[in-house]
C-alpha atoms as a PDB file:
ATOM      1  CA  UNK A   1     108.535  84.942 103.854  1.00  0.00           C
ATOM      2  CA  UNK A   2     106.025  87.452 106.243  1.00  0.00           C
ATOM      3  CA  UNK A   3     103.646  88.854 103.785  1.00  0.00           C
ATOM      4  CA  UNK A   4     103.880  92.253 102.090  1.00  0.00           C
ATOM      5  CA  UNK A   5     103.369  95.729 103.848  1.00  0.00           C
ATOM      6  CA  UNK A   6     102.874  98.563 102.428  1.00  0.00           C
ATOM      7  CA  UNK A   7     105.962 100.557 104.042  1.00  0.00           C
ATOM      8  CA  UNK A   8     105.693 103.896 101.368  1.00  0.00           C
ATOM      9  CA  UNK A   9     106.520 105.047  98.262  1.00  0.00           C
ATOM     10  CA  UNK A  10     110.353 105.707  96.547  1.00  0.00           C
ATOM     11  CA  UNK A  11     110.131 108.996  94.016  1.00  0.00           C
ATOM     12  CA  UNK A  12     114.012 109.498  93.701  1.00  0.00           C
ATOM     13  CA  UNK A  13     116.802 107.320  91.904  1.00  0.00           C
ATOM     14  CA  UNK A  14     115.308 106.511  88.801  1.00  0.00           C
ATOM     15  CA  UNK A  15     117.413 106.589  84.940  1.00  0.00           C
ATOM     16  CA  UNK A  16     115.757 106.704  82.328  1.00  0.00           C
ATOM     17  CA  UNK A  17     116.655 102.851  81.141  1.00  0.00           C
ATOM     18  CA  UNK A  18     116.092 101.793  84.969  1.00  0.00           C
ATOM     19  CA  UNK A  19     112.781 103.301  84.997  1.00  0.00           C
ATOM     20  CA  UNK A  20     112.117 100.713  81.609  1.00  0.00           C
ATOM     21  CA  UNK A  21     113.557  98.071  82.858  1.00  0.00           C
ATOM     22  CA  UNK A  22     111.855  98.050  85.902  1.00  0.00           C
ATOM     23  CA  UNK A  23     108.185  98.670  84.172  1.00  0.00           C
ATOM     24  CA  UNK A  24     109.208  95.296  81.525  1.00  0.00           C
ATOM     25  CA  UNK A  25     109.825  93.536  85.086  1.00  0.00           C
ATOM     26  CA  UNK A  26     106.495  94.706  86.199  1.00  0.00           C
ATOM     27  CA  UNK A  27     104.263  94.222  83.468  1.00  0.00           C
ATOM     28  CA  UNK A  28     105.224  90.421  83.579  1.00  0.00           C
ATOM     29  CA  UNK A  29     103.724  90.149  86.899  1.00  0.00           C
ATOM     30  CA  UNK A  30     100.342  92.200  86.665  1.00  0.00           C
ATOM     31  CA  UNK A  31      97.496  90.261  88.818  1.00  0.00           C
ATOM     32  CA  UNK A  32      94.184  91.973  89.201  1.00  0.00           C
ATOM     33  CA  UNK A  33      94.110  93.094  92.774  1.00  0.00           C
ATOM     34  CA  UNK A  34      96.090  94.663  95.691  1.00  0.00           C
ATOM     35  CA  UNK A  35      98.410  92.443  97.817  1.00  0.00           C
ATOM     36  CA  UNK A  36      98.515  94.766 100.626  1.00  0.00           C
ATOM     37  CA  UNK A  37      95.156  96.383 102.139  1.00  0.00           C
ATOM     38  CA  UNK A  38      95.517  99.268  99.942  1.00  0.00           C
ATOM     39  CA  UNK A  39      92.569 100.857  97.687  1.00  0.00           C
ATOM     40  CA  UNK A  40      93.146 103.662  94.884  1.00  0.00           C
ATOM     41  CA  UNK A  41      91.864 104.006  91.352  1.00  0.00           C
ATOM     42  CA  UNK A  42      94.099 103.972  88.493  1.00  0.00           C
ATOM     43  CA  UNK A  43      96.671 101.475  89.411  1.00  0.00           C
ATOM     44  CA  UNK A  44      97.836  98.490  87.863  1.00  0.00           C
ATOM     45  CA  UNK A  45      98.597  95.428  90.273  1.00  0.00           C
ATOM     46  CA  UNK A  46     101.533  93.220  90.520  1.00  0.00           C
ATOM     47  CA  UNK A  47     102.272  90.182  91.842  1.00  0.00           C
ATOM     48  CA  UNK A  48     104.972  91.401  95.191  1.00  0.00           C
ATOM     49  CA  UNK A  49     107.920  88.679  93.847  1.00  0.00           C
ATOM     50  CA  UNK A  50     110.232  91.530  92.471  1.00  0.00           C
ATOM     51  CA  UNK A  51     112.443  92.735  95.938  1.00  0.00           C
ATOM     52  CA  UNK A  52     113.623  96.210  95.791  1.00  0.00           C
ATOM     53  CA  UNK A  53     116.872  97.823  97.397  1.00  0.00           C
ATOM     54  CA  UNK A  54     116.042 100.979  99.188  1.00  0.00           C
ATOM     55  CA  UNK A  55     117.929 103.557 100.688  1.00  0.00           C
ATOM     56  CA  UNK A  56     116.634 105.691 103.176  1.00  0.00           C
ATOM     57  CA  UNK A  57     117.138 107.139 106.225  1.00  0.00           C
ATOM     58  CA  UNK A  58     114.456 106.236 109.237  1.00  0.00           C
ATOM     59  CA  UNK A  59     111.065 105.265 109.320  1.00  0.00           C
ATOM     60  CA  UNK A  60     107.633 108.024 110.052  1.00  0.00           C
ATOM     61  CA  UNK A  61     105.519 107.759 113.417  1.00  0.00           C
ATOM     62  CA  UNK A  62     103.313 105.816 111.725  1.00  0.00           C
ATOM     63  CA  UNK A  63     105.598 103.442 110.182  1.00  0.00           C
ATOM     64  CA  UNK A  64     106.568 104.161 106.957  1.00  0.00           C
ATOM     65  CA  UNK A  65     110.016 104.875 105.032  1.00  0.00           C
ATOM     66  CA  UNK A  66     111.727 108.301 105.396  1.00  0.00           C
ATOM     67  CA  UNK A  67     113.611 110.188 102.384  1.00  0.00           C
ATOM     68  CA  UNK A  68     114.034 106.970 100.446  1.00  0.00           C
ATOM     69  CA  UNK A  69     115.588 106.657  97.291  1.00  0.00           C
ATOM     70  CA  UNK A  70     115.437 103.345  94.450  1.00  0.00           C
ATOM     71  CA  UNK A  71     119.220 101.899  93.984  1.00  0.00           C
ATOM     72  CA  UNK A  72     117.624  98.845  92.046  1.00  0.00           C
ATOM     73  CA  UNK A  73     116.092  95.453  92.140  1.00  0.00           C
ATOM     74  CA  UNK A  74     117.547  93.078  93.823  1.00  0.00           C
ATOM     75  CA  UNK A  75     118.483  88.966  92.920  1.00  0.00           C
ATOM     76  CA  UNK A  76     115.887  86.710  93.971  1.00  0.00           C
ATOM     77  CA  UNK A  77     119.072  84.524  95.563  1.00  0.00           C
ATOM     78  CA  UNK A  78     119.620  86.783  98.004  1.00  0.00           C
ATOM     79  CA  UNK A  79     115.981  87.200  99.089  1.00  0.00           C
ATOM     80  CA  UNK A  80     116.931  85.616 102.776  1.00  0.00           C
ATOM     81  CA  UNK A  81     119.302  88.971 103.497  1.00  0.00           C
ATOM     82  CA  UNK A  82     116.570  91.335 102.368  1.00  0.00           C
ATOM     83  CA  UNK A  83     114.860  93.099 105.813  1.00  0.00           C
ATOM     84  CA  UNK A  84     111.043  92.631 106.460  1.00  0.00           C
ATOM     85  CA  UNK A  85     109.205  95.142 107.991  1.00  0.00           C
ATOM     86  CA  UNK A  86     105.234  93.819 107.987  1.00  0.00           C
ATOM     87  CA  UNK A  87     101.689  95.546 109.212  1.00  0.00           C
END
């Protein structure tokens, strides 16, 4: 699997129940530092092991997602079918 790469954030698509579920999953995989080259204060870092399904309209000129929307956490069994964008 390719190394993780930051491609933007997702701020829509979460219900209260889904946000709670995702938070529990993330709390279980915290780590000391970032898995990608990104530094910000006040962030809790996690191991890059969960696979998020995200719908988006395209890519910006600087390689970030455009109009992204969270659809859910995917099963790890189908990880080979996930599109990976690196660096």
